[in-house]
Amino acid sequence: MPEKSFRFWEFIEGGDHERVAESLASAVRDYGEPYIATYADWDTFSRAVGDKGFLMEHERAKILPIVHVINGDLEAGRRVVESELERIAGSGDVYAQSYRSFADKFREEFG
C-alpha cells in the first residue's frame, strides 16, 4: 500500500458491503497483484529478501538462511544463523527462544 502501513476494511452489519468489497478488491488489484508479480520471480525475491526493510528483522533472520540454502550457498545461510544467535545471546525472550529452536533445526538439517 502506498501508505506503507496496515489498512483494514470493515464489513459491519447494515453497512455498504459492496462498496467495501470493491475498495478491497481495488487495493488487491492495484497494489497486491504488481507486488506478487514482481516477487514471484525467484531471482528477484532472493535478491530483495536480504534488503533492510523488505521483511521485519525477525522474519528475515529465518527466511534469509533458507533462501541462501536454496540458492546453493549453505555457508551464507550458516553465517546468518550464527550472526543472529550472537545478537540474541543472553536474551530469554520468546523470540530468542524461538530462534534458538529454529537454529537447532537448521543445523540438524544442514549441518
PDB file of N, CA and C in Angstrom:
ATOM      1  N   MET A   1       0.847  -1.176   0.000  1.00  0.00           N
ATOM      2  CA  MET A   1       0.000   0.000   0.000  1.00  0.00           C
ATOM      3  C   MET A   1       0.894   1.242   0.000  1.00  0.00           C
ATOM      4  N   PRO A   2       0.440   2.279  -0.621  1.00  0.00           N
ATOM      5  CA  PRO A   2       1.288   3.465  -0.719  1.00  0.00           C
ATOM      6  C   PRO A   2       1.617   4.091   0.642  1.00  0.00           C
ATOM      7  N   GLU A   3       0.737   3.916   1.622  1.00  0.00           N
ATOM      8  CA  GLU A   3       0.994   4.498   2.947  1.00  0.00           C
ATOM      9  C   GLU A   3       2.028   3.708   3.731  1.00  0.00           C
ATOM     10  N   LYS A   4       2.361   2.507   3.254  1.00  0.00           N
ATOM     11  CA  LYS A   4       3.287   1.602   3.934  1.00  0.00           C
ATOM     12  C   LYS A   4       2.867   1.365   5.374  1.00  0.00           C
ATOM     13  N   SER A   5       1.585   1.184   5.569  1.00  0.00           N
ATOM     14  CA  SER A   5       1.075   0.882   6.898  1.00  0.00           C
ATOM     15  C   SER A   5      -0.091  -0.086   6.775  1.00  0.00           C
ATOM     16  N   PHE A   6      -0.489  -0.607   7.901  1.00  0.00           N
ATOM     17  CA  PHE A   6      -1.601  -1.538   7.952  1.00  0.00           C
ATOM     18  C   PHE A   6      -2.888  -0.834   7.531  1.00  0.00           C
ATOM     19  N   ARG A   7      -3.709  -1.522   6.783  1.00  0.00           N
ATOM     20  CA  ARG A   7      -5.000  -0.978   6.365  1.00  0.00           C
ATOM     21  C   ARG A   7      -6.043  -2.061   6.540  1.00  0.00           C
ATOM     22  N   PHE A   8      -7.231  -1.675   6.919  1.00  0.00           N
ATOM     23  CA  PHE A   8      -8.278  -2.672   7.102  1.00  0.00           C
ATOM     24  C   PHE A   8      -9.573  -2.198   6.461  1.00  0.00           C
ATOM     25  N   TRP A   9     -10.424  -3.155   6.181  1.00  0.00           N
ATOM     26  CA  TRP A   9     -11.741  -2.903   5.602  1.00  0.00           C
ATOM     27  C   TRP A   9     -12.762  -3.539   6.539  1.00  0.00           C
ATOM     28  N   GLU A  10     -13.732  -2.756   6.936  1.00  0.00           N
ATOM     29  CA  GLU A  10     -14.737  -3.252   7.879  1.00  0.00           C
ATOM     30  C   GLU A  10     -16.038  -3.581   7.150  1.00  0.00           C
ATOM     31  N   PHE A  11     -16.495  -4.794   7.361  1.00  0.00           N
ATOM     32  CA  PHE A  11     -17.796  -5.229   6.874  1.00  0.00           C
ATOM     33  C   PHE A  11     -18.712  -5.256   8.095  1.00  0.00           C
ATOM     34  N   ILE A  12     -19.367  -4.128   8.321  1.00  0.00           N
ATOM     35  CA  ILE A  12     -20.213  -4.035   9.514  1.00  0.00           C
ATOM     36  C   ILE A  12     -21.667  -4.328   9.153  1.00  0.00           C
ATOM     37  N   GLU A  13     -22.374  -4.842  10.116  1.00  0.00           N
ATOM     38  CA  GLU A  13     -23.775  -5.178   9.901  1.00  0.00           C
ATOM     39  C   GLU A  13     -24.535  -3.930   9.454  1.00  0.00           C
ATOM     40  N   GLY A  14     -25.263  -4.069   8.378  1.00  0.00           N
ATOM     41  CA  GLY A  14     -26.043  -2.956   7.845  1.00  0.00           C
ATOM     42  C   GLY A  14     -25.227  -1.992   6.998  1.00  0.00           C
ATOM     43  N   GLY A  15     -23.926  -2.245   6.859  1.00  0.00           N
ATOM     44  CA  GLY A  15     -23.063  -1.350   6.104  1.00  0.00           C
ATOM     45  C   GLY A  15     -23.151  -1.607   4.602  1.00  0.00           C
ATOM     46  N   ASP A  16     -22.464  -0.790   3.858  1.00  0.00           N
ATOM     47  CA  ASP A  16     -22.426  -0.901   2.406  1.00  0.00           C
ATOM     48  C   ASP A  16     -21.330  -1.899   2.021  1.00  0.00           C
ATOM     49  N   HIS A  17     -21.661  -3.177   2.078  1.00  0.00           N
ATOM     50  CA  HIS A  17     -20.683  -4.233   1.835  1.00  0.00           C
ATOM     51  C   HIS A  17     -20.136  -4.198   0.411  1.00  0.00           C
ATOM     52  N   GLU A  18     -20.955  -3.819  -0.527  1.00  0.00           N
ATOM     53  CA  GLU A  18     -20.499  -3.772  -1.907  1.00  0.00           C
ATOM     54  C   GLU A  18     -19.390  -2.738  -2.078  1.00  0.00           C
ATOM     55  N   ARG A  19     -19.565  -1.582  -1.484  1.00  0.00           N
ATOM     56  CA  ARG A  19     -18.551  -0.522  -1.581  1.00  0.00           C
ATOM     57  C   ARG A  19     -17.259  -0.949  -0.894  1.00  0.00           C
ATOM     58  N   VAL A  20     -17.375  -1.566   0.273  1.00  0.00           N
ATOM     59  CA  VAL A  20     -16.188  -2.019   0.997  1.00  0.00           C
ATOM     60  C   VAL A  20     -15.471  -3.105   0.194  1.00  0.00           C
ATOM     61  N   ALA A  21     -16.225  -4.052  -0.338  1.00  0.00           N
ATOM     62  CA  ALA A  21     -15.639  -5.143  -1.128  1.00  0.00           C
ATOM     63  C   ALA A  21     -14.964  -4.589  -2.386  1.00  0.00           C
ATOM     64  N   GLU A  22     -15.578  -3.611  -3.027  1.00  0.00           N
ATOM     65  CA  GLU A  22     -14.967  -3.006  -4.210  1.00  0.00           C
ATOM     66  C   GLU A  22     -13.660  -2.306  -3.855  1.00  0.00           C
ATOM     67  N   SER A  23     -13.631  -1.640  -2.707  1.00  0.00           N
ATOM     68  CA  SER A  23     -12.411  -0.974  -2.269  1.00  0.00           C
ATOM     69  C   SER A  23     -11.309  -1.987  -1.977  1.00  0.00           C
ATOM     70  N   LEU A  24     -11.657  -3.073  -1.319  1.00  0.00           N
ATOM     71  CA  LEU A  24     -10.698  -4.127  -1.020  1.00  0.00           C
ATOM     72  C   LEU A  24     -10.164  -4.754  -2.309  1.00  0.00           C
ATOM     73  N   ALA A  25     -11.055  -5.100  -3.210  1.00  0.00           N
ATOM     74  CA  ALA A  25     -10.647  -5.710  -4.482  1.00  0.00           C
ATOM     75  C   ALA A  25      -9.769  -4.752  -5.289  1.00  0.00           C
ATOM     76  N   SER A  26     -10.094  -3.488  -5.252  1.00  0.00           N
ATOM     77  CA  SER A  26      -9.303  -2.486  -5.959  1.00  0.00           C
ATOM     78  C   SER A  26      -7.888  -2.401  -5.392  1.00  0.00           C
ATOM     79  N   ALA A  27      -7.768  -2.443  -4.077  1.00  0.00           N
ATOM     80  CA  ALA A  27      -6.443  -2.389  -3.447  1.00  0.00           C
ATOM     81  C   ALA A  27      -5.617  -3.620  -3.817  1.00  0.00           C
ATOM     82  N   VAL A  28      -6.242  -4.776  -3.822  1.00  0.00           N
ATOM     83  CA  VAL A  28      -5.532  -6.002  -4.203  1.00  0.00           C
ATOM     84  C   VAL A  28      -5.076  -5.901  -5.655  1.00  0.00           C
ATOM     85  N   ARG A  29      -5.953  -5.441  -6.521  1.00  0.00           N
ATOM     86  CA  ARG A  29      -5.617  -5.318  -7.944  1.00  0.00           C
ATOM     87  C   ARG A  29      -4.505  -4.282  -8.153  1.00  0.00           C
ATOM     88  N   ASP A  30      -4.631  -3.121  -7.504  1.00  0.00           N
ATOM     89  CA  ASP A  30      -3.691  -2.025  -7.754  1.00  0.00           C
ATOM     90  C   ASP A  30      -2.329  -2.215  -7.088  1.00  0.00           C
ATOM     91  N   TYR A  31      -2.321  -2.818  -5.895  1.00  0.00           N
ATOM     92  CA  TYR A  31      -1.079  -2.915  -5.131  1.00  0.00           C
ATOM     93  C   TYR A  31      -0.608  -4.353  -4.918  1.00  0.00           C
ATOM     94  N   GLY A  32      -1.533  -5.252  -4.673  1.00  0.00           N
ATOM     95  CA  GLY A  32      -1.165  -6.638  -4.400  1.00  0.00           C
ATOM     96  C   GLY A  32      -0.665  -7.387  -5.618  1.00  0.00           C
ATOM     97  N   GLU A  33      -1.403  -7.290  -6.710  1.00  0.00           N
ATOM     98  CA  GLU A  33      -1.011  -8.034  -7.909  1.00  0.00           C
ATOM     99  C   GLU A  33       0.359  -7.619  -8.448  1.00  0.00           C
ATOM    100  N   PRO A  34       0.672  -6.333  -8.546  1.00  0.00           N
ATOM    101  CA  PRO A  34       2.018  -5.968  -9.026  1.00  0.00           C
ATOM    102  C   PRO A  34       3.123  -6.449  -8.073  1.00  0.00           C
ATOM    103  N   TYR A  35       2.867  -6.393  -6.783  1.00  0.00           N
ATOM    104  CA  TYR A  35       3.839  -6.861  -5.797  1.00  0.00           C
ATOM    105  C   TYR A  35       4.093  -8.358  -5.989  1.00  0.00           C
ATOM    106  N   ILE A  36       3.019  -9.116  -6.093  1.00  0.00           N
ATOM    107  CA  ILE A  36       3.127 -10.559  -6.286  1.00  0.00           C
ATOM    108  C   ILE A  36       3.833 -10.866  -7.607  1.00  0.00           C
ATOM    109  N   ALA A  37       3.477 -10.159  -8.652  1.00  0.00           N
ATOM    110  CA  ALA A  37       4.096 -10.403  -9.958  1.00  0.00           C
ATOM    111  C   ALA A  37       5.603 -10.141  -9.910  1.00  0.00           C
ATOM    112  N   THR A  38       6.008  -9.121  -9.197  1.00  0.00           N
ATOM    113  CA  THR A  38       7.432  -8.807  -9.085  1.00  0.00           C
ATOM    114  C   THR A  38       8.175  -9.890  -8.330  1.00  0.00           C
ATOM    115  N   TYR A  39       7.656 -10.270  -7.163  1.00  0.00           N
ATOM    116  CA  TYR A  39       8.389 -11.185  -6.287  1.00  0.00           C
ATOM    117  C   TYR A  39       8.068 -12.652  -6.526  1.00  0.00           C
ATOM    118  N   ALA A  40       7.258 -12.963  -7.514  1.00  0.00           N
ATOM    119  CA  ALA A  40       7.041 -14.352  -7.906  1.00  0.00           C
ATOM    120  C   ALA A  40       8.269 -14.883  -8.635  1.00  0.00           C
ATOM    121  N   ASP A  41       9.090 -13.991  -9.139  1.00  0.00           N
ATOM    122  CA  ASP A  41      10.343 -14.369  -9.779  1.00  0.00           C
ATOM    123  C   ASP A  41      11.374 -14.654  -8.688  1.00  0.00           C
ATOM    124  N   TRP A  42      11.881 -15.902  -8.640  1.00  0.00           N
ATOM    125  CA  TRP A  42      12.781 -16.313  -7.559  1.00  0.00           C
ATOM    126  C   TRP A  42      14.024 -15.437  -7.474  1.00  0.00           C
ATOM    127  N   ASP A  43      14.647 -15.123  -8.597  1.00  0.00           N
ATOM    128  CA  ASP A  43      15.871 -14.312  -8.557  1.00  0.00           C
ATOM    129  C   ASP A  43      15.605 -12.943  -7.944  1.00  0.00           C
ATOM    130  N   THR A  44      14.509 -12.322  -8.326  1.00  0.00           N
ATOM    131  CA  THR A  44      14.148 -11.015  -7.777  1.00  0.00           C
ATOM    132  C   THR A  44      13.893 -11.127  -6.281  1.00  0.00           C
ATOM    133  N   PHE A  45      13.094 -12.129  -5.898  1.00  0.00           N
ATOM    134  CA  PHE A  45      12.789 -12.310  -4.473  1.00  0.00           C
ATOM    135  C   PHE A  45      14.056 -12.599  -3.677  1.00  0.00           C
ATOM    136  N   SER A  46      14.882 -13.524  -4.153  1.00  0.00           N
ATOM    137  CA  SER A  46      16.040 -13.930  -3.364  1.00  0.00           C
ATOM    138  C   SER A  46      17.073 -12.808  -3.227  1.00  0.00           C
ATOM    139  N   ARG A  47      17.105 -11.887  -4.167  1.00  0.00           N
ATOM    140  CA  ARG A  47      17.971 -10.711  -4.009  1.00  0.00           C
ATOM    141  C   ARG A  47      17.359  -9.713  -3.026  1.00  0.00           C
ATOM    142  N   ALA A  48      16.053  -9.504  -3.106  1.00  0.00           N
ATOM    143  CA  ALA A  48      15.390  -8.490  -2.285  1.00  0.00           C
ATOM    144  C   ALA A  48      15.243  -8.902  -0.829  1.00  0.00           C
ATOM    145  N   VAL A  49      15.129 -10.198  -0.565  1.00  0.00           N
ATOM    146  CA  VAL A  49      14.839 -10.663   0.792  1.00  0.00           C
ATOM    147  C   VAL A  49      15.928 -10.260   1.783  1.00  0.00           C
ATOM    148  N   GLY A  50      17.125 -10.040   1.320  1.00  0.00           N
ATOM    149  CA  GLY A  50      18.207  -9.619   2.198  1.00  0.00           C
ATOM    150  C   GLY A  50      18.253  -8.126   2.467  1.00  0.00           C
ATOM    151  N   ASP A  51      17.491  -7.357   1.719  1.00  0.00           N
ATOM    152  CA  ASP A  51      17.493  -5.902   1.890  1.00  0.00           C
ATOM    153  C   ASP A  51      16.803  -5.495   3.186  1.00  0.00           C
ATOM    154  N   LYS A  52      17.397  -4.544   3.880  1.00  0.00           N
ATOM    155  CA  LYS A  52      16.765  -3.996   5.082  1.00  0.00           C
ATOM    156  C   LYS A  52      15.412  -3.409   4.694  1.00  0.00           C
ATOM    157  N   GLY A  53      14.406  -3.705   5.497  1.00  0.00           N
ATOM    158  CA  GLY A  53      13.077  -3.156   5.255  1.00  0.00           C
ATOM    159  C   GLY A  53      12.177  -4.025   4.406  1.00  0.00           C
ATOM    160  N   PHE A  54      12.736  -5.007   3.698  1.00  0.00           N
ATOM    161  CA  PHE A  54      11.890  -5.877   2.886  1.00  0.00           C
ATOM    162  C   PHE A  54      11.047  -6.766   3.788  1.00  0.00           C
ATOM    163  N   LEU A  55      11.669  -7.304   4.813  1.00  0.00           N
ATOM    164  CA  LEU A  55      10.981  -8.101   5.824  1.00  0.00           C
ATOM    165  C   LEU A  55      11.294  -7.515   7.196  1.00  0.00           C
ATOM    166  N   MET A  56      10.483  -7.848   8.175  1.00  0.00           N
ATOM    167  CA  MET A  56      10.827  -7.491   9.542  1.00  0.00           C
ATOM    168  C   MET A  56      12.041  -8.329   9.927  1.00  0.00           C
ATOM    169  N   GLU A  57      12.875  -7.798  10.787  1.00  0.00           N
ATOM    170  CA  GLU A  57      14.133  -8.470  11.119  1.00  0.00           C
ATOM    171  C   GLU A  57      13.927  -9.892  11.630  1.00  0.00           C
ATOM    172  N   HIS A  58      12.896 -10.109  12.452  1.00  0.00           N
ATOM    173  CA  HIS A  58      12.701 -11.462  12.977  1.00  0.00           C
ATOM    174  C   HIS A  58      12.287 -12.433  11.864  1.00  0.00           C
ATOM    175  N   GLU A  59      11.653 -11.940  10.815  1.00  0.00           N
ATOM    176  CA  GLU A  59      11.320 -12.794   9.673  1.00  0.00           C
ATOM    177  C   GLU A  59      12.562 -13.026   8.822  1.00  0.00           C
ATOM    178  N   ARG A  60      13.293 -11.972   8.614  1.00  0.00           N
ATOM    179  CA  ARG A  60      14.488 -12.011   7.762  1.00  0.00           C
ATOM    180  C   ARG A  60      15.504 -13.020   8.287  1.00  0.00           C
ATOM    181  N   ALA A  61      15.676 -13.079   9.606  1.00  0.00           N
ATOM    182  CA  ALA A  61      16.675 -13.964  10.200  1.00  0.00           C
ATOM    183  C   ALA A  61      16.338 -15.440  10.007  1.00  0.00           C
ATOM    184  N   LYS A  62      15.084 -15.744   9.736  1.00  0.00           N
ATOM    185  CA  LYS A  62      14.700 -17.132   9.469  1.00  0.00           C
ATOM    186  C   LYS A  62      14.590 -17.403   7.968  1.00  0.00           C
ATOM    187  N   ILE A  63      14.115 -16.472   7.217  1.00  0.00           N
ATOM    188  CA  ILE A  63      13.901 -16.693   5.787  1.00  0.00           C
ATOM    189  C   ILE A  63      15.204 -16.615   4.997  1.00  0.00           C
ATOM    190  N   LEU A  64      16.041 -15.659   5.313  1.00  0.00           N
ATOM    191  CA  LEU A  64      17.275 -15.470   4.544  1.00  0.00           C
ATOM    192  C   LEU A  64      18.184 -16.701   4.559  1.00  0.00           C
ATOM    193  N   PRO A  65      18.383 -17.376   5.693  1.00  0.00           N
ATOM    194  CA  PRO A  65      19.226 -18.581   5.631  1.00  0.00           C
ATOM    195  C   PRO A  65      18.665 -19.656   4.697  1.00  0.00           C
ATOM    196  N   ILE A  66      17.368 -19.805   4.685  1.00  0.00           N
ATOM    197  CA  ILE A  66      16.739 -20.805   3.810  1.00  0.00           C
ATOM    198  C   ILE A  66      16.914 -20.404   2.349  1.00  0.00           C
ATOM    199  N   VAL A  67      16.763 -19.126   2.059  1.00  0.00           N
ATOM    200  CA  VAL A  67      16.969 -18.641   0.690  1.00  0.00           C
ATOM    201  C   VAL A  67      18.401 -18.928   0.250  1.00  0.00           C
ATOM    202  N   HIS A  68      19.357 -18.671   1.132  1.00  0.00           N
ATOM    203  CA  HIS A  68      20.755 -18.964   0.794  1.00  0.00           C
ATOM    204  C   HIS A  68      20.946 -20.446   0.487  1.00  0.00           C
ATOM    205  N   VAL A  69      20.355 -21.309   1.301  1.00  0.00           N
ATOM    206  CA  VAL A  69      20.488 -22.756   1.078  1.00  0.00           C
ATOM    207  C   VAL A  69      19.879 -23.139  -0.266  1.00  0.00           C
ATOM    208  N   ILE A  70      18.687 -22.641  -0.557  1.00  0.00           N
ATOM    209  CA  ILE A  70      18.042 -22.946  -1.838  1.00  0.00           C
ATOM    210  C   ILE A  70      18.914 -22.484  -2.994  1.00  0.00           C
ATOM    211  N   ASN A  71      19.586 -21.356  -2.811  1.00  0.00           N
ATOM    212  CA  ASN A  71      20.459 -20.832  -3.867  1.00  0.00           C
ATOM    213  C   ASN A  71      21.835 -21.501  -3.892  1.00  0.00           C
ATOM    214  N   GLY A  72      22.020 -22.501  -3.030  1.00  0.00           N
ATOM    215  CA  GLY A  72      23.258 -23.265  -3.054  1.00  0.00           C
ATOM    216  C   GLY A  72      24.393 -22.685  -2.236  1.00  0.00           C
ATOM    217  N   ASP A  73      24.107 -21.727  -1.362  1.00  0.00           N
ATOM    218  CA  ASP A  73      25.151 -21.100  -0.557  1.00  0.00           C
ATOM    219  C   ASP A  73      24.918 -21.406   0.925  1.00  0.00           C
ATOM    220  N   LEU A  74      25.196 -22.641   1.309  1.00  0.00           N
ATOM    221  CA  LEU A  74      24.987 -23.085   2.684  1.00  0.00           C
ATOM    222  C   LEU A  74      25.781 -22.242   3.672  1.00  0.00           C
ATOM    223  N   GLU A  75      27.000 -21.884   3.314  1.00  0.00           N
ATOM    224  CA  GLU A  75      27.836 -21.088   4.224  1.00  0.00           C
ATOM    225  C   GLU A  75      27.200 -19.732   4.535  1.00  0.00           C
ATOM    226  N   ALA A  76      26.624 -19.092   3.542  1.00  0.00           N
ATOM    227  CA  ALA A  76      25.956 -17.804   3.792  1.00  0.00           C
ATOM    228  C   ALA A  76      24.768 -18.006   4.729  1.00  0.00           C
ATOM    229  N   GLY A  77      24.038 -19.088   4.551  1.00  0.00           N
ATOM    230  CA  GLY A  77      22.929 -19.405   5.451  1.00  0.00           C
ATOM    231  C   GLY A  77      23.408 -19.608   6.871  1.00  0.00           C
ATOM    232  N   ARG A  78      24.486 -20.351   7.014  1.00  0.00           N
ATOM    233  CA  ARG A  78      25.061 -20.573   8.348  1.00  0.00           C
ATOM    234  C   ARG A  78      25.503 -19.259   8.990  1.00  0.00           C
ATOM    235  N   ARG A  79      26.105 -18.390   8.193  1.00  0.00           N
ATOM    236  CA  ARG A  79      26.565 -17.100   8.741  1.00  0.00           C
ATOM    237  C   ARG A  79      25.401 -16.273   9.273  1.00  0.00           C
ATOM    238  N   VAL A  80      24.294 -16.272   8.562  1.00  0.00           N
ATOM    239  CA  VAL A  80      23.116 -15.522   9.028  1.00  0.00           C
ATOM    240  C   VAL A  80      22.637 -16.097  10.358  1.00  0.00           C
ATOM    241  N   VAL A  81      22.542 -17.414  10.437  1.00  0.00           N
ATOM    242  CA  VAL A  81      22.070 -18.060  11.671  1.00  0.00           C
ATOM    243  C   VAL A  81      23.017 -17.747  12.826  1.00  0.00           C
ATOM    244  N   GLU A  82      24.311 -17.907  12.600  1.00  0.00           N
ATOM    245  CA  GLU A  82      25.277 -17.656  13.674  1.00  0.00           C
ATOM    246  C   GLU A  82      25.265 -16.187  14.113  1.00  0.00           C
ATOM    247  N   SER A  83      25.137 -15.288  13.164  1.00  0.00           N
ATOM    248  CA  SER A  83      25.079 -13.864  13.483  1.00  0.00           C
ATOM    249  C   SER A  83      23.857 -13.540  14.345  1.00  0.00           C
ATOM    250  N   GLU A  84      22.731 -14.119  13.991  1.00  0.00           N
ATOM    251  CA  GLU A  84      21.520 -13.856  14.779  1.00  0.00           C
ATOM    252  C   GLU A  84      21.642 -14.487  16.161  1.00  0.00           C
ATOM    253  N   LEU A  85      22.232 -15.656  16.257  1.00  0.00           N
ATOM    254  CA  LEU A  85      22.435 -16.278  17.569  1.00  0.00           C
ATOM    255  C   LEU A  85      23.339 -15.417  18.450  1.00  0.00           C
ATOM    256  N   GLU A  86      24.360 -14.835  17.860  1.00  0.00           N
ATOM    257  CA  GLU A  86      25.235 -13.927  18.622  1.00  0.00           C
ATOM    258  C   GLU A  86      24.460 -12.697  19.089  1.00  0.00           C
ATOM    259  N   ARG A  87      23.607 -12.176  18.201  1.00  0.00           N
ATOM    260  CA  ARG A  87      22.846 -10.979  18.544  1.00  0.00           C
ATOM    261  C   ARG A  87      21.897 -11.221  19.713  1.00  0.00           C
ATOM    262  N   ILE A  88      21.315 -12.402  19.786  1.00  0.00           N
ATOM    263  CA  ILE A  88      20.324 -12.688  20.829  1.00  0.00           C
ATOM    264  C   ILE A  88      20.921 -13.418  22.034  1.00  0.00           C
ATOM    265  N   ALA A  89      22.231 -13.624  22.020  1.00  0.00           N
ATOM    266  CA  ALA A  89      22.878 -14.312  23.146  1.00  0.00           C
ATOM    267  C   ALA A  89      22.511 -13.604  24.452  1.00  0.00           C
ATOM    268  N   GLY A  90      22.151 -14.386  25.420  1.00  0.00           N
ATOM    269  CA  GLY A  90      21.813 -13.808  26.718  1.00  0.00           C
ATOM    270  C   GLY A  90      20.366 -13.378  26.840  1.00  0.00           C
ATOM    271  N   SER A  91      19.640 -13.393  25.750  1.00  0.00           N
ATOM    272  CA  SER A  91      18.230 -12.999  25.802  1.00  0.00           C
ATOM    273  C   SER A  91      17.373 -14.236  26.027  1.00  0.00           C
ATOM    274  N   GLY A  92      16.380 -14.082  26.874  1.00  0.00           N
ATOM    275  CA  GLY A  92      15.471 -15.194  27.150  1.00  0.00           C
ATOM    276  C   GLY A  92      14.062 -14.934  26.680  1.00  0.00           C
ATOM    277  N   ASP A  93      13.891 -13.900  25.863  1.00  0.00           N
ATOM    278  CA  ASP A  93      12.524 -13.587  25.422  1.00  0.00           C
ATOM    279  C   ASP A  93      11.998 -14.641  24.459  1.00  0.00           C
ATOM    280  N   VAL A  94      10.740 -14.537  24.131  1.00  0.00           N
ATOM    281  CA  VAL A  94      10.076 -15.526  23.286  1.00  0.00           C
ATOM    282  C   VAL A  94      10.747 -15.622  21.923  1.00  0.00           C
ATOM    283  N   TYR A  95      11.108 -14.493  21.344  1.00  0.00           N
ATOM    284  CA  TYR A  95      11.761 -14.526  20.036  1.00  0.00           C
ATOM    285  C   TYR A  95      13.083 -15.289  20.124  1.00  0.00           C
ATOM    286  N   ALA A  96      13.897 -14.986  21.123  1.00  0.00           N
ATOM    287  CA  ALA A  96      15.192 -15.647  21.258  1.00  0.00           C
ATOM    288  C   ALA A  96      15.017 -17.155  21.419  1.00  0.00           C
ATOM    289  N   GLN A  97      14.071 -17.563  22.220  1.00  0.00           N
ATOM    290  CA  GLN A  97      13.803 -18.990  22.392  1.00  0.00           C
ATOM    291  C   GLN A  97      13.383 -19.620  21.068  1.00  0.00           C
ATOM    292  N   SER A  98      12.507 -18.943  20.355  1.00  0.00           N
ATOM    293  CA  SER A  98      12.034 -19.437  19.061  1.00  0.00           C
ATOM    294  C   SER A  98      13.181 -19.518  18.062  1.00  0.00           C
ATOM    295  N   TYR A  99      14.037 -18.498  18.048  1.00  0.00           N
ATOM    296  CA  TYR A  99      15.129 -18.507  17.082  1.00  0.00           C
ATOM    297  C   TYR A  99      16.133 -19.606  17.396  1.00  0.00           C
ATOM    298  N   ARG A 100      16.400 -19.832  18.668  1.00  0.00           N
ATOM    299  CA  ARG A 100      17.312 -20.918  19.022  1.00  0.00           C
ATOM    300  C   ARG A 100      16.763 -22.264  18.543  1.00  0.00           C
ATOM    301  N   SER A 101      15.466 -22.433  18.666  1.00  0.00           N
ATOM    302  CA  SER A 101      14.831 -23.659  18.168  1.00  0.00           C
ATOM    303  C   SER A 101      14.997 -23.763  16.653  1.00  0.00           C
ATOM    304  N   PHE A 102      14.768 -22.655  15.952  1.00  0.00           N
ATOM    305  CA  PHE A 102      14.968 -22.626  14.505  1.00  0.00           C
ATOM    306  C   PHE A 102      16.417 -22.983  14.163  1.00  0.00           C
ATOM    307  N   ALA A 103      17.358 -22.370  14.869  1.00  0.00           N
ATOM    308  CA  ALA A 103      18.778 -22.603  14.595  1.00  0.00           C
ATOM    309  C   ALA A 103      19.138 -24.071  14.813  1.00  0.00           C
ATOM    310  N   ASP A 104      18.599 -24.675  15.864  1.00  0.00           N
ATOM    311  CA  ASP A 104      18.852 -26.101  16.109  1.00  0.00           C
ATOM    312  C   ASP A 104      18.343 -26.943  14.942  1.00  0.00           C
ATOM    313  N   LYS A 105      17.157 -26.633  14.474  1.00  0.00           N
ATOM    314  CA  LYS A 105      16.580 -27.390  13.345  1.00  0.00           C
ATOM    315  C   LYS A 105      17.368 -27.140  12.058  1.00  0.00           C
ATOM    316  N   PHE A 106      17.799 -25.906  11.857  1.00  0.00           N
ATOM    317  CA  PHE A 106      18.619 -25.566  10.688  1.00  0.00           C
ATOM    318  C   PHE A 106      19.908 -26.378  10.711  1.00  0.00           C
ATOM    319  N   ARG A 107      20.558 -26.408  11.856  1.00  0.00           N
ATOM    320  CA  ARG A 107      21.818 -27.153  11.987  1.00  0.00           C
ATOM    321  C   ARG A 107      21.597 -28.650  11.791  1.00  0.00           C
ATOM    322  N   GLU A 108      20.514 -29.177  12.354  1.00  0.00           N
ATOM    323  CA  GLU A 108      20.205 -30.602  12.166  1.00  0.00           C
ATOM    324  C   GLU A 108      20.033 -30.937  10.687  1.00  0.00           C
ATOM    325  N   GLU A 109      19.336 -30.066   9.985  1.00  0.00           N
ATOM    326  CA  GLU A 109      19.046 -30.313   8.576  1.00  0.00           C
ATOM    327  C   GLU A 109      20.242 -30.060   7.655  1.00  0.00           C
ATOM    328  N   PHE A 110      20.988 -28.997   7.943  1.00  0.00           N
ATOM    329  CA  PHE A 110      22.027 -28.570   7.012  1.00  0.00           C
ATOM    330  C   PHE A 110      23.446 -28.651   7.567  1.00  0.00           C
ATOM    331  N   GLY A 111      23.567 -29.140   8.779  1.00  0.00           N
ATOM    332  CA  GLY A 111      24.900 -29.331   9.353  1.00  0.00           C
ATOM    333  C   GLY A 111      25.542 -28.126   9.956  1.00  0.00           C
TER     334      GLY A 111
END
